[in-house]
Amino acid sequence: MTRRTQAGQLSGLILLAVALIAALAGAFIVDSSHLHAVRKELQRATDAAALAGAIDLYRAPDDVERHALQTAAENKADGKPVSDESPGMDVNINVTPPGESEPGRVEVTAQATVSHSLMHILGRSYDTVTARSVAGSA
């Protein structure tokens, strides 16, 4: 082998290594962006659900949890309704009724399991994102 042939082979290996690194970085960026978007969708759903429940604390106290769950389900995260009935989704409502010395509050926590489209190449098939919102009356 001549020096020229060896240099050509080295260039090919370097090009292959750069392409592999770029592909892995691209997979990480795509899946990280998707995860961030789902987290934001989940946060919007819990915000809306907590506010909807808080509105009912005095107006219709028996409907607080139902109204919060209904509002959460009207929102989507990762293309699925934010509801316990959606696969990989968990929604919890914690209602603290108003008392004489404390205002009432509604806490909504939602958790979603998000499947990765490309990171499974590196052995990471899914991640879990969580959002929590609290709303109350003054």
Protein backbone atom coordinates (compact mmCIF):
# COMPACT_ATOMS: atom_id res chain seq x y z
CA MET A 1 0.00 0.00 0.00
CA THR A 2 1.21 3.43 -0.83
CA ARG A 3 1.01 6.44 1.41
CA ARG A 4 -1.68 7.89 -0.82
CA THR A 5 -3.92 4.80 -0.44
CA GLN A 6 -3.47 4.82 3.34
CA ALA A 7 -4.41 8.49 3.54
CA GLY A 8 -7.54 7.80 1.49
CA GLN A 9 -8.55 4.97 3.80
CA LEU A 10 -8.01 7.17 6.86
CA SER A 11 -10.18 9.90 5.33
CA GLY A 12 -12.93 7.36 4.73
CA LEU A 13 -12.80 6.18 8.36
CA ILE A 14 -12.88 9.76 9.64
CA LEU A 15 -15.86 10.53 7.41
CA LEU A 16 -17.64 7.42 8.67
CA ALA A 17 -16.95 8.37 12.32
CA VAL A 18 -18.23 11.92 11.78
CA ALA A 19 -21.38 10.60 10.10
CA LEU A 20 -22.01 8.21 13.01
CA ILE A 21 -21.54 10.96 15.59
CA ALA A 22 -23.86 13.27 13.63
CA ALA A 23 -26.53 10.54 13.44
CA LEU A 24 -26.36 9.91 17.20
CA ALA A 25 -26.50 13.64 17.94
CA GLY A 26 -29.47 13.97 15.60
CA ALA A 27 -31.29 11.12 17.36
CA PHE A 28 -30.68 12.77 20.72
CA ILE A 29 -31.89 16.18 19.48
CA VAL A 30 -35.05 14.80 17.83
CA ASP A 31 -36.10 12.75 20.85
CA SER A 32 -35.16 15.45 23.37
CA SER A 33 -37.23 18.00 21.46
CA HIS A 34 -40.18 15.61 21.39
CA LEU A 35 -39.84 14.98 25.11
CA HIS A 36 -39.77 18.74 25.80
CA ALA A 37 -42.87 19.30 23.64
CA VAL A 38 -44.80 16.55 25.45
CA ARG A 39 -43.76 18.01 28.82
CA LYS A 40 -45.13 21.42 27.78
CA GLU A 41 -48.41 19.86 26.58
CA LEU A 42 -48.72 17.96 29.85
CA GLN A 43 -48.07 21.14 31.84
CA ARG A 44 -50.76 23.03 29.93
CA ALA A 45 -53.22 20.21 30.63
CA THR A 46 -52.50 20.16 34.38
CA ASP A 47 -52.70 23.98 34.54
CA ALA A 48 -56.12 23.96 32.87
CA ALA A 49 -57.37 21.08 35.02
CA ALA A 50 -56.25 22.70 38.29
CA LEU A 51 -57.90 26.00 37.34
CA ALA A 52 -61.13 24.26 36.29
CA GLY A 53 -61.26 22.40 39.60
CA ALA A 54 -60.46 25.53 41.61
CA ILE A 55 -63.38 27.37 40.01
CA ASP A 56 -65.70 24.74 41.50
CA LEU A 57 -64.27 24.81 45.05
CA TYR A 58 -67.05 27.13 46.24
CA ARG A 59 -69.50 26.97 43.35
CA ALA A 60 -69.88 23.17 43.09
CA PRO A 61 -67.62 21.43 45.63
CA ASP A 62 -68.90 17.95 44.75
CA ASP A 63 -67.83 18.42 41.10
CA VAL A 64 -64.25 19.60 41.66
CA GLU A 65 -62.49 16.32 40.90
CA ARG A 66 -64.80 15.38 38.02
CA HIS A 67 -64.44 18.80 36.40
CA ALA A 68 -60.64 18.74 36.77
CA LEU A 69 -60.40 15.24 35.25
CA GLN A 70 -62.73 16.20 32.41
CA THR A 71 -60.70 19.31 31.62
CA ALA A 72 -57.44 17.34 31.70
CA ALA A 73 -58.92 14.79 29.26
CA GLU A 74 -59.95 17.58 26.88
CA ASN A 75 -56.24 18.37 26.48
CA LYS A 76 -53.71 16.19 24.70
CA ALA A 77 -50.10 15.32 25.35
CA ASP A 78 -48.15 13.21 22.87
CA GLY A 79 -51.32 13.01 20.78
CA LYS A 80 -53.33 11.30 23.55
CA PRO A 81 -55.95 12.71 25.92
CA VAL A 82 -54.47 13.48 29.35
CA SER A 83 -56.50 10.82 31.11
CA ASP A 84 -56.00 7.61 33.07
CA GLU A 85 -57.75 5.87 30.19
CA SER A 86 -54.93 6.74 27.77
CA PRO A 87 -52.12 4.17 27.62
CA GLY A 88 -49.00 5.32 29.44
CA MET A 89 -50.80 8.24 31.10
CA ASP A 90 -51.55 8.73 34.79
CA VAL A 91 -53.56 11.65 36.22
CA ASN A 92 -54.09 12.34 39.92
CA ILE A 93 -56.28 15.01 41.53
CA ASN A 94 -55.85 16.07 45.14
CA VAL A 95 -58.54 18.40 46.49
CA THR A 96 -58.13 20.34 49.72
CA PRO A 97 -61.54 21.80 50.56
CA PRO A 98 -61.66 25.37 51.80
CA GLY A 99 -61.65 25.71 55.56
CA GLU A 100 -62.20 28.56 57.98
CA SER A 101 -58.55 29.56 58.10
CA GLU A 102 -57.24 28.17 54.80
CA PRO A 103 -58.38 28.59 51.24
CA GLY A 104 -59.11 25.47 49.23
CA ARG A 105 -56.82 24.19 46.53
CA VAL A 106 -56.71 21.69 43.72
CA GLU A 107 -53.49 19.89 42.83
CA VAL A 108 -53.25 18.04 39.54
CA THR A 109 -50.33 15.75 38.75
CA ALA A 110 -49.99 14.00 35.42
CA GLN A 111 -47.37 11.56 34.22
CA ALA A 112 -46.83 10.33 30.68
CA THR A 113 -44.59 7.62 29.31
CA VAL A 114 -43.10 8.84 26.04
CA SER A 115 -41.69 6.42 23.47
CA HIS A 116 -38.56 7.51 21.66
CA SER A 117 -38.38 7.29 17.91
CA LEU A 118 -34.59 7.14 17.56
CA MET A 119 -32.93 6.84 20.98
CA HIS A 120 -33.87 3.17 21.19
CA ILE A 121 -30.75 2.68 19.06
CA LEU A 122 -28.78 3.59 22.20
CA GLY A 123 -30.92 1.37 24.44
CA ARG A 124 -33.35 4.05 25.66
CA SER A 125 -36.83 3.23 24.41
CA TYR A 126 -38.89 5.58 26.56
CA ASP A 127 -38.85 8.28 29.23
CA THR A 128 -41.42 9.47 31.72
CA VAL A 129 -42.38 13.13 32.05
CA THR A 130 -44.37 14.65 34.90
CA ALA A 131 -46.23 17.91 35.33
CA ARG A 132 -47.84 19.34 38.45
CA SER A 133 -50.14 22.31 38.88
CA VAL A 134 -51.84 23.80 41.93
CA ALA A 135 -54.68 26.32 41.90
CA GLY A 136 -56.76 27.63 44.71
CA SER A 137 -59.17 30.23 45.86
CA ALA A 138 -58.22 33.23 47.88
